[in-house]
Amino acid sequence: MRLSCHQFKDNAVRLALFVLAYNLGNFLRRLVLPPEMARRSLTTLRERLVKIGARLTRHARRLVLQMAEVAIPRDLFAQILNHIPLLSPAPT
């Protein structure tokens, strides 16, 4: 079997990072995405949501994120952003 790194501990760290990334992606997929997108595979979501080009521009007192709308529709992106604050626990 061929591994990406020469030392065992390097491969162990790489595997742990991949597992962490997979679990984080799966967690966010189930809790943040709308139901019609939550059923998609993590590979599809990564290609649709993460691997998109965007530009951050500064206008006066605000920052504007400009994305290609062909990658993800504006209303879907707004739904995802609206779900994220709901993940934080209620203050005690």
PDB file of N, CA and C in Angstrom:
ATOM      1  N   MET A   1       0.839  -1.168   0.000  1.00  0.00           N
ATOM      2  CA  MET A   1       0.000   0.000   0.000  1.00  0.00           C
ATOM      3  C   MET A   1       0.890   1.239   0.000  1.00  0.00           C
ATOM      4  N   ARG A   2       0.557   2.208  -0.811  1.00  0.00           N
ATOM      5  CA  ARG A   2       1.331   3.437  -0.930  1.00  0.00           C
ATOM      6  C   ARG A   2       0.670   4.545  -0.116  1.00  0.00           C
ATOM      7  N   LEU A   3       1.448   5.208   0.721  1.00  0.00           N
ATOM      8  CA  LEU A   3       0.941   6.284   1.557  1.00  0.00           C
ATOM      9  C   LEU A   3       1.499   7.617   1.075  1.00  0.00           C
ATOM     10  N   SER A   4       0.842   8.697   1.466  1.00  0.00           N
ATOM     11  CA  SER A   4       1.243  10.005   0.962  1.00  0.00           C
ATOM     12  C   SER A   4       2.470  10.570   1.665  1.00  0.00           C
ATOM     13  N   CYS A   5       2.720  10.174   2.888  1.00  0.00           N
ATOM     14  CA  CYS A   5       3.874  10.673   3.653  1.00  0.00           C
ATOM     15  C   CYS A   5       4.847   9.530   3.932  1.00  0.00           C
ATOM     16  N   HIS A   6       6.077   9.866   4.242  1.00  0.00           N
ATOM     17  CA  HIS A   6       7.096   8.847   4.461  1.00  0.00           C
ATOM     18  C   HIS A   6       7.047   8.249   5.867  1.00  0.00           C
ATOM     19  N   GLN A   7       6.649   9.023   6.854  1.00  0.00           N
ATOM     20  CA  GLN A   7       6.652   8.532   8.226  1.00  0.00           C
ATOM     21  C   GLN A   7       5.240   8.187   8.682  1.00  0.00           C
ATOM     22  N   PHE A   8       5.167   7.178   9.548  1.00  0.00           N
ATOM     23  CA  PHE A   8       3.876   6.701  10.040  1.00  0.00           C
ATOM     24  C   PHE A   8       3.121   7.797  10.783  1.00  0.00           C
ATOM     25  N   LYS A   9       3.796   8.553  11.652  1.00  0.00           N
ATOM     26  CA  LYS A   9       3.103   9.572  12.443  1.00  0.00           C
ATOM     27  C   LYS A   9       2.536  10.677  11.552  1.00  0.00           C
ATOM     28  N   ASP A  10       3.218  10.986  10.445  1.00  0.00           N
ATOM     29  CA  ASP A  10       2.700  11.986   9.505  1.00  0.00           C
ATOM     30  C   ASP A  10       1.409  11.499   8.854  1.00  0.00           C
ATOM     31  N   ASN A  11       1.378  10.226   8.478  1.00  0.00           N
ATOM     32  CA  ASN A  11       0.166   9.648   7.892  1.00  0.00           C
ATOM     33  C   ASN A  11      -0.959   9.579   8.919  1.00  0.00           C
ATOM     34  N   ALA A  12      -0.623   9.317  10.188  1.00  0.00           N
ATOM     35  CA  ALA A  12      -1.638   9.277  11.239  1.00  0.00           C
ATOM     36  C   ALA A  12      -2.270  10.644  11.435  1.00  0.00           C
ATOM     37  N   VAL A  13      -1.445  11.690  11.414  1.00  0.00           N
ATOM     38  CA  VAL A  13      -1.972  13.055  11.546  1.00  0.00           C
ATOM     39  C   VAL A  13      -2.840  13.404  10.350  1.00  0.00           C
ATOM     40  N   ARG A  14      -2.391  13.040   9.170  1.00  0.00           N
ATOM     41  CA  ARG A  14      -3.169  13.320   7.949  1.00  0.00           C
ATOM     42  C   ARG A  14      -4.529  12.617   7.990  1.00  0.00           C
ATOM     43  N   LEU A  15      -4.539  11.370   8.422  1.00  0.00           N
ATOM     44  CA  LEU A  15      -5.796  10.630   8.536  1.00  0.00           C
ATOM     45  C   LEU A  15      -6.714  11.274   9.566  1.00  0.00           C
ATOM     46  N   ALA A  16      -6.163  11.705  10.702  1.00  0.00           N
ATOM     47  CA  ALA A  16      -6.978  12.353  11.733  1.00  0.00           C
ATOM     48  C   ALA A  16      -7.587  13.651  11.210  1.00  0.00           C
ATOM     49  N   LEU A  17      -6.840  14.418  10.428  1.00  0.00           N
ATOM     50  CA  LEU A  17      -7.382  15.651   9.844  1.00  0.00           C
ATOM     51  C   LEU A  17      -8.500  15.359   8.847  1.00  0.00           C
ATOM     52  N   PHE A  18      -8.330  14.308   8.043  1.00  0.00           N
ATOM     53  CA  PHE A  18      -9.384  13.935   7.097  1.00  0.00           C
ATOM     54  C   PHE A  18     -10.651  13.497   7.828  1.00  0.00           C
ATOM     55  N   VAL A  19     -10.492  12.736   8.898  1.00  0.00           N
ATOM     56  CA  VAL A  19     -11.649  12.288   9.684  1.00  0.00           C
ATOM     57  C   VAL A  19     -12.358  13.486  10.316  1.00  0.00           C
ATOM     58  N   LEU A  20     -11.584  14.421  10.848  1.00  0.00           N
ATOM     59  CA  LEU A  20     -12.162  15.624  11.434  1.00  0.00           C
ATOM     60  C   LEU A  20     -12.916  16.438  10.384  1.00  0.00           C
ATOM     61  N   ALA A  21     -12.322  16.611   9.218  1.00  0.00           N
ATOM     62  CA  ALA A  21     -12.974  17.360   8.139  1.00  0.00           C
ATOM     63  C   ALA A  21     -14.255  16.664   7.685  1.00  0.00           C
ATOM     64  N   TYR A  22     -14.227  15.340   7.569  1.00  0.00           N
ATOM     65  CA  TYR A  22     -15.419  14.606   7.162  1.00  0.00           C
ATOM     66  C   TYR A  22     -16.538  14.762   8.190  1.00  0.00           C
ATOM     67  N   ASN A  23     -16.196  14.607   9.464  1.00  0.00           N
ATOM     68  CA  ASN A  23     -17.215  14.715  10.508  1.00  0.00           C
ATOM     69  C   ASN A  23     -17.777  16.122  10.604  1.00  0.00           C
ATOM     70  N   LEU A  24     -16.935  17.132  10.452  1.00  0.00           N
ATOM     71  CA  LEU A  24     -17.418  18.514  10.461  1.00  0.00           C
ATOM     72  C   LEU A  24     -18.344  18.770   9.280  1.00  0.00           C
ATOM     73  N   GLY A  25     -17.954  18.296   8.106  1.00  0.00           N
ATOM     74  CA  GLY A  25     -18.810  18.455   6.930  1.00  0.00           C
ATOM     75  C   GLY A  25     -20.134  17.742   7.089  1.00  0.00           C
ATOM     76  N   ASN A  26     -20.117  16.538   7.630  1.00  0.00           N
ATOM     77  CA  ASN A  26     -21.344  15.779   7.838  1.00  0.00           C
ATOM     78  C   ASN A  26     -22.242  16.462   8.870  1.00  0.00           C
ATOM     79  N   PHE A  27     -21.644  16.982   9.934  1.00  0.00           N
ATOM     80  CA  PHE A  27     -22.384  17.701  10.972  1.00  0.00           C
ATOM     81  C   PHE A  27     -23.070  18.931  10.386  1.00  0.00           C
ATOM     82  N   LEU A  28     -22.325  19.719   9.635  1.00  0.00           N
ATOM     83  CA  LEU A  28     -22.912  20.920   9.042  1.00  0.00           C
ATOM     84  C   LEU A  28     -23.951  20.580   7.986  1.00  0.00           C
ATOM     85  N   ARG A  29     -23.733  19.505   7.264  1.00  0.00           N
ATOM     86  CA  ARG A  29     -24.697  19.106   6.237  1.00  0.00           C
ATOM     87  C   ARG A  29     -26.044  18.787   6.864  1.00  0.00           C
ATOM     88  N   ARG A  30     -26.018  18.074   7.992  1.00  0.00           N
ATOM     89  CA  ARG A  30     -27.277  17.673   8.624  1.00  0.00           C
ATOM     90  C   ARG A  30     -27.968  18.817   9.337  1.00  0.00           C
ATOM     91  N   LEU A  31     -27.210  19.764   9.899  1.00  0.00           N
ATOM     92  CA  LEU A  31     -27.819  20.796  10.736  1.00  0.00           C
ATOM     93  C   LEU A  31     -28.049  22.130  10.047  1.00  0.00           C
ATOM     94  N   VAL A  32     -27.321  22.433   9.005  1.00  0.00           N
ATOM     95  CA  VAL A  32     -27.384  23.769   8.422  1.00  0.00           C
ATOM     96  C   VAL A  32     -28.074  23.783   7.065  1.00  0.00           C
ATOM     97  N   LEU A  33     -27.868  22.771   6.267  1.00  0.00           N
ATOM     98  CA  LEU A  33     -28.398  22.801   4.903  1.00  0.00           C
ATOM     99  C   LEU A  33     -29.891  22.537   4.867  1.00  0.00           C
ATOM    100  N   PRO A  34     -30.574  23.121   3.894  1.00  0.00           N
ATOM    101  CA  PRO A  34     -31.988  22.812   3.693  1.00  0.00           C
ATOM    102  C   PRO A  34     -32.166  21.330   3.360  1.00  0.00           C
ATOM    103  N   PRO A  35     -33.329  20.767   3.660  1.00  0.00           N
ATOM    104  CA  PRO A  35     -33.535  19.320   3.474  1.00  0.00           C
ATOM    105  C   PRO A  35     -33.229  18.812   2.063  1.00  0.00           C
ATOM    106  N   GLU A  36     -33.507  19.602   1.036  1.00  0.00           N
ATOM    107  CA  GLU A  36     -33.260  19.115  -0.327  1.00  0.00           C
ATOM    108  C   GLU A  36     -31.775  19.005  -0.633  1.00  0.00           C
ATOM    109  N   MET A  37     -30.933  19.746   0.069  1.00  0.00           N
ATOM    110  CA  MET A  37     -29.484  19.644  -0.149  1.00  0.00           C
ATOM    111  C   MET A  37     -28.814  18.730   0.859  1.00  0.00           C
ATOM    112  N   ALA A  38     -29.431  18.503   1.998  1.00  0.00           N
ATOM    113  CA  ALA A  38     -28.817  17.693   3.052  1.00  0.00           C
ATOM    114  C   ALA A  38     -28.666  16.232   2.634  1.00  0.00           C
ATOM    115  N   ARG A  39     -29.398  15.797   1.641  1.00  0.00           N
ATOM    116  CA  ARG A  39     -29.313  14.408   1.196  1.00  0.00           C
ATOM    117  C   ARG A  39     -28.184  14.180   0.197  1.00  0.00           C
ATOM    118  N   ARG A  40     -27.557  15.244  -0.269  1.00  0.00           N
ATOM    119  CA  ARG A  40     -26.473  15.098  -1.247  1.00  0.00           C
ATOM    120  C   ARG A  40     -25.199  14.594  -0.584  1.00  0.00           C
ATOM    121  N   SER A  41     -24.330  14.015  -1.383  1.00  0.00           N
ATOM    122  CA  SER A  41     -23.072  13.493  -0.839  1.00  0.00           C
ATOM    123  C   SER A  41     -22.139  14.642  -0.465  1.00  0.00           C
ATOM    124  N   LEU A  42     -21.202  14.351   0.424  1.00  0.00           N
ATOM    125  CA  LEU A  42     -20.248  15.379   0.830  1.00  0.00           C
ATOM    126  C   LEU A  42     -19.364  15.825  -0.338  1.00  0.00           C
ATOM    127  N   THR A  43     -19.083  14.923  -1.262  1.00  0.00           N
ATOM    128  CA  THR A  43     -18.287  15.295  -2.432  1.00  0.00           C
ATOM    129  C   THR A  43     -19.020  16.322  -3.275  1.00  0.00           C
ATOM    130  N   THR A  44     -20.301  16.099  -3.514  1.00  0.00           N
ATOM    131  CA  THR A  44     -21.099  17.042  -4.285  1.00  0.00           C
ATOM    132  C   THR A  44     -21.182  18.384  -3.577  1.00  0.00           C
ATOM    133  N   LEU A  45     -21.399  18.353  -2.273  1.00  0.00           N
ATOM    134  CA  LEU A  45     -21.490  19.605  -1.518  1.00  0.00           C
ATOM    135  C   LEU A  45     -20.175  20.356  -1.539  1.00  0.00           C
ATOM    136  N   ARG A  46     -19.074  19.638  -1.422  1.00  0.00           N
ATOM    137  CA  ARG A  46     -17.766  20.292  -1.455  1.00  0.00           C
ATOM    138  C   ARG A  46     -17.553  20.986  -2.793  1.00  0.00           C
ATOM    139  N   GLU A  47     -17.925  20.315  -3.863  1.00  0.00           N
ATOM    140  CA  GLU A  47     -17.740  20.909  -5.185  1.00  0.00           C
ATOM    141  C   GLU A  47     -18.691  22.067  -5.423  1.00  0.00           C
ATOM    142  N   ARG A  48     -19.892  22.015  -4.854  1.00  0.00           N
ATOM    143  CA  ARG A  48     -20.876  23.072  -5.069  1.00  0.00           C
ATOM    144  C   ARG A  48     -20.711  24.252  -4.129  1.00  0.00           C
ATOM    145  N   LEU A  49     -20.349  23.997  -2.870  1.00  0.00           N
ATOM    146  CA  LEU A  49     -20.329  25.061  -1.867  1.00  0.00           C
ATOM    147  C   LEU A  49     -18.934  25.562  -1.524  1.00  0.00           C
ATOM    148  N   VAL A  50     -17.963  24.689  -1.506  1.00  0.00           N
ATOM    149  CA  VAL A  50     -16.645  25.076  -1.034  1.00  0.00           C
ATOM    150  C   VAL A  50     -15.735  25.477  -2.185  1.00  0.00           C
ATOM    151  N   LYS A  51     -15.783  24.732  -3.268  1.00  0.00           N
ATOM    152  CA  LYS A  51     -14.877  25.002  -4.384  1.00  0.00           C
ATOM    153  C   LYS A  51     -15.497  26.000  -5.367  1.00  0.00           C
ATOM    154  N   ILE A  52     -15.865  27.153  -4.858  1.00  0.00           N
ATOM    155  CA  ILE A  52     -16.431  28.187  -5.720  1.00  0.00           C
ATOM    156  C   ILE A  52     -15.580  29.435  -5.606  1.00  0.00           C
ATOM    157  N   GLY A  53     -15.544  30.186  -6.668  1.00  0.00           N
ATOM    158  CA  GLY A  53     -14.787  31.425  -6.648  1.00  0.00           C
ATOM    159  C   GLY A  53     -15.619  32.540  -6.048  1.00  0.00           C
ATOM    160  N   ALA A  54     -14.979  33.362  -5.277  1.00  0.00           N
ATOM    161  CA  ALA A  54     -15.654  34.503  -4.673  1.00  0.00           C
ATOM    162  C   ALA A  54     -14.643  35.630  -4.511  1.00  0.00           C
ATOM    163  N   ARG A  55     -15.169  36.819  -4.364  1.00  0.00           N
ATOM    164  CA  ARG A  55     -14.313  37.983  -4.167  1.00  0.00           C
ATOM    165  C   ARG A  55     -14.892  38.809  -3.033  1.00  0.00           C
ATOM    166  N   LEU A  56     -14.028  39.216  -2.128  1.00  0.00           N
ATOM    167  CA  LEU A  56     -14.424  40.049  -1.006  1.00  0.00           C
ATOM    168  C   LEU A  56     -13.993  41.472  -1.312  1.00  0.00           C
ATOM    169  N   THR A  57     -14.969  42.398  -1.379  1.00  0.00           N
ATOM    170  CA  THR A  57     -14.665  43.787  -1.694  1.00  0.00           C
ATOM    171  C   THR A  57     -15.081  44.690  -0.553  1.00  0.00           C
ATOM    172  N   ARG A  58     -14.326  45.734  -0.357  1.00  0.00           N
ATOM    173  CA  ARG A  58     -14.615  46.686   0.707  1.00  0.00           C
ATOM    174  C   ARG A  58     -15.256  47.931   0.078  1.00  0.00           C
ATOM    175  N   HIS A  59     -16.436  48.303   0.581  1.00  0.00           N
ATOM    176  CA  HIS A  59     -17.133  49.515   0.166  1.00  0.00           C
ATOM    177  C   HIS A  59     -17.411  50.337   1.408  1.00  0.00           C
ATOM    178  N   ALA A  60     -16.812  51.484   1.493  1.00  0.00           N
ATOM    179  CA  ALA A  60     -17.009  52.405   2.618  1.00  0.00           C
ATOM    180  C   ALA A  60     -16.888  51.677   3.948  1.00  0.00           C
ATOM    181  N   ARG A  61     -18.003  51.364   4.598  1.00  0.00           N
ATOM    182  CA  ARG A  61     -17.966  50.742   5.929  1.00  0.00           C
ATOM    183  C   ARG A  61     -18.407  49.292   5.942  1.00  0.00           C
ATOM    184  N   ARG A  62     -18.510  48.663   4.814  1.00  0.00           N
ATOM    185  CA  ARG A  62     -18.966  47.270   4.810  1.00  0.00           C
ATOM    186  C   ARG A  62     -18.139  46.438   3.837  1.00  0.00           C
ATOM    187  N   LEU A  63     -18.193  45.142   4.077  1.00  0.00           N
ATOM    188  CA  LEU A  63     -17.546  44.185   3.195  1.00  0.00           C
ATOM    189  C   LEU A  63     -18.620  43.477   2.384  1.00  0.00           C
ATOM    190  N   VAL A  64     -18.359  43.255   1.110  1.00  0.00           N
ATOM    191  CA  VAL A  64     -19.325  42.591   0.231  1.00  0.00           C
ATOM    192  C   VAL A  64     -18.673  41.340  -0.334  1.00  0.00           C
ATOM    193  N   LEU A  65     -19.336  40.201  -0.160  1.00  0.00           N
ATOM    194  CA  LEU A  65     -18.874  38.942  -0.726  1.00  0.00           C
ATOM    195  C   LEU A  65     -19.575  38.742  -2.062  1.00  0.00           C
ATOM    196  N   GLN A  66     -18.814  38.734  -3.125  1.00  0.00           N
ATOM    197  CA  GLN A  66     -19.375  38.562  -4.468  1.00  0.00           C
ATOM    198  C   GLN A  66     -19.068  37.149  -4.946  1.00  0.00           C
ATOM    199  N   MET A  67     -20.133  36.392  -5.247  1.00  0.00           N
ATOM    200  CA  MET A  67     -19.979  35.006  -5.691  1.00  0.00           C
ATOM    201  C   MET A  67     -20.666  34.829  -7.035  1.00  0.00           C
ATOM    202  N   ALA A  68     -20.219  33.845  -7.772  1.00  0.00           N
ATOM    203  CA  ALA A  68     -20.895  33.499  -9.019  1.00  0.00           C
ATOM    204  C   ALA A  68     -22.203  32.800  -8.669  1.00  0.00           C
ATOM    205  N   GLU A  69     -23.313  33.324  -9.141  1.00  0.00           N
ATOM    206  CA  GLU A  69     -24.604  32.752  -8.767  1.00  0.00           C
ATOM    207  C   GLU A  69     -24.866  31.414  -9.447  1.00  0.00           C
ATOM    208  N   VAL A  70     -24.095  31.069 -10.457  1.00  0.00           N
ATOM    209  CA  VAL A  70     -24.276  29.758 -11.080  1.00  0.00           C
ATOM    210  C   VAL A  70     -23.825  28.644 -10.145  1.00  0.00           C
ATOM    211  N   ALA A  71     -22.919  28.952  -9.219  1.00  0.00           N
ATOM    212  CA  ALA A  71     -22.429  27.931  -8.297  1.00  0.00           C
ATOM    213  C   ALA A  71     -23.488  27.589  -7.253  1.00  0.00           C
ATOM    214  N   ILE A  72     -24.092  28.596  -6.662  1.00  0.00           N
ATOM    215  CA  ILE A  72     -25.111  28.388  -5.639  1.00  0.00           C
ATOM    216  C   ILE A  72     -26.083  29.565  -5.697  1.00  0.00           C
ATOM    217  N   PRO A  73     -27.378  29.294  -5.801  1.00  0.00           N
ATOM    218  CA  PRO A  73     -28.352  30.387  -5.884  1.00  0.00           C
ATOM    219  C   PRO A  73     -28.352  31.255  -4.622  1.00  0.00           C
ATOM    220  N   ARG A  74     -28.679  32.516  -4.799  1.00  0.00           N
ATOM    221  CA  ARG A  74     -28.659  33.487  -3.708  1.00  0.00           C
ATOM    222  C   ARG A  74     -29.580  33.094  -2.562  1.00  0.00           C
ATOM    223  N   ASP A  75     -30.785  32.615  -2.862  1.00  0.00           N
ATOM    224  CA  ASP A  75     -31.727  32.258  -1.789  1.00  0.00           C
ATOM    225  C   ASP A  75     -31.246  31.049  -0.988  1.00  0.00           C
ATOM    226  N   LEU A  76     -30.602  30.109  -1.648  1.00  0.00           N
ATOM    227  CA  LEU A  76     -30.053  28.946  -0.942  1.00  0.00           C
ATOM    228  C   LEU A  76     -28.911  29.378  -0.021  1.00  0.00           C
ATOM    229  N   PHE A  77     -28.044  30.256  -0.499  1.00  0.00           N
ATOM    230  CA  PHE A  77     -26.954  30.764   0.328  1.00  0.00           C
ATOM    231  C   PHE A  77     -27.510  31.516   1.538  1.00  0.00           C
ATOM    232  N   ALA A  78     -28.578  32.280   1.340  1.00  0.00           N
ATOM    233  CA  ALA A  78     -29.211  32.999   2.446  1.00  0.00           C
ATOM    234  C   ALA A  78     -29.809  32.028   3.466  1.00  0.00           C
ATOM    235  N   GLN A  79     -30.415  30.939   3.003  1.00  0.00           N
ATOM    236  CA  GLN A  79     -30.965  29.929   3.916  1.00  0.00           C
ATOM    237  C   GLN A  79     -29.867  29.306   4.767  1.00  0.00           C
ATOM    238  N   ILE A  80     -28.731  29.002   4.149  1.00  0.00           N
ATOM    239  CA  ILE A  80     -27.618  28.412   4.886  1.00  0.00           C
ATOM    240  C   ILE A  80     -27.113  29.379   5.946  1.00  0.00           C
ATOM    241  N   LEU A  81     -26.935  30.642   5.570  1.00  0.00           N
ATOM    242  CA  LEU A  81     -26.462  31.636   6.530  1.00  0.00           C
ATOM    243  C   LEU A  81     -27.459  31.850   7.672  1.00  0.00           C
ATOM    244  N   ASN A  82     -28.745  31.754   7.392  1.00  0.00           N
ATOM    245  CA  ASN A  82     -29.754  31.932   8.440  1.00  0.00           C
ATOM    246  C   ASN A  82     -29.789  30.759   9.409  1.00  0.00           C
ATOM    247  N   HIS A  83     -29.401  29.572   8.962  1.00  0.00           N
ATOM    248  CA  HIS A  83     -29.400  28.398   9.840  1.00  0.00           C
ATOM    249  C   HIS A  83     -28.213  28.357  10.797  1.00  0.00           C
ATOM    250  N   ILE A  84     -27.100  28.996  10.416  1.00  0.00           N
ATOM    251  CA  ILE A  84     -25.875  28.910  11.223  1.00  0.00           C
ATOM    252  C   ILE A  84     -26.055  29.482  12.623  1.00  0.00           C
ATOM    253  N   PRO A  85     -26.663  30.662  12.816  1.00  0.00           N
ATOM    254  CA  PRO A  85     -26.822  31.166  14.198  1.00  0.00           C
ATOM    255  C   PRO A  85     -27.682  30.268  15.084  1.00  0.00           C
ATOM    256  N   LEU A  86     -28.532  29.466  14.494  1.00  0.00           N
ATOM    257  CA  LEU A  86     -29.387  28.580  15.271  1.00  0.00           C
ATOM    258  C   LEU A  86     -28.607  27.442  15.918  1.00  0.00           C
ATOM    259  N   LEU A  87     -27.368  27.220  15.482  1.00  0.00           N
ATOM    260  CA  LEU A  87     -26.547  26.145  16.035  1.00  0.00           C
ATOM    261  C   LEU A  87     -25.985  26.484  17.415  1.00  0.00           C
ATOM    262  N   SER A  88     -25.870  27.765  17.727  1.00  0.00           N
ATOM    263  CA  SER A  88     -25.262  28.123  19.012  1.00  0.00           C
ATOM    264  C   SER A  88     -26.234  27.791  20.156  1.00  0.00           C
ATOM    265  N   PRO A  89     -25.699  27.292  21.252  1.00  0.00           N
ATOM    266  CA  PRO A  89     -26.561  26.940  22.385  1.00  0.00           C
ATOM    267  C   PRO A  89     -27.163  28.187  23.036  1.00  0.00           C
ATOM    268  N   ALA A  90     -28.299  27.995  23.638  1.00  0.00           N
ATOM    269  CA  ALA A  90     -28.963  29.110  24.318  1.00  0.00           C
ATOM    270  C   ALA A  90     -28.151  29.492  25.561  1.00  0.00           C
ATOM    271  N   PRO A  91     -28.028  30.795  25.844  1.00  0.00           N
ATOM    272  CA  PRO A  91     -27.264  31.198  27.035  1.00  0.00           C
ATOM    273  C   PRO A  91     -27.942  30.719  28.304  1.00  0.00           C
ATOM    274  N   THR A  92     -27.133  30.353  29.279  1.00  0.00           N
ATOM    275  CA  THR A  92     -27.690  29.834  30.533  1.00  0.00           C
ATOM    276  C   THR A  92     -27.761  30.913  31.593  1.00  0.00           C
TER     277      THR A  92
END
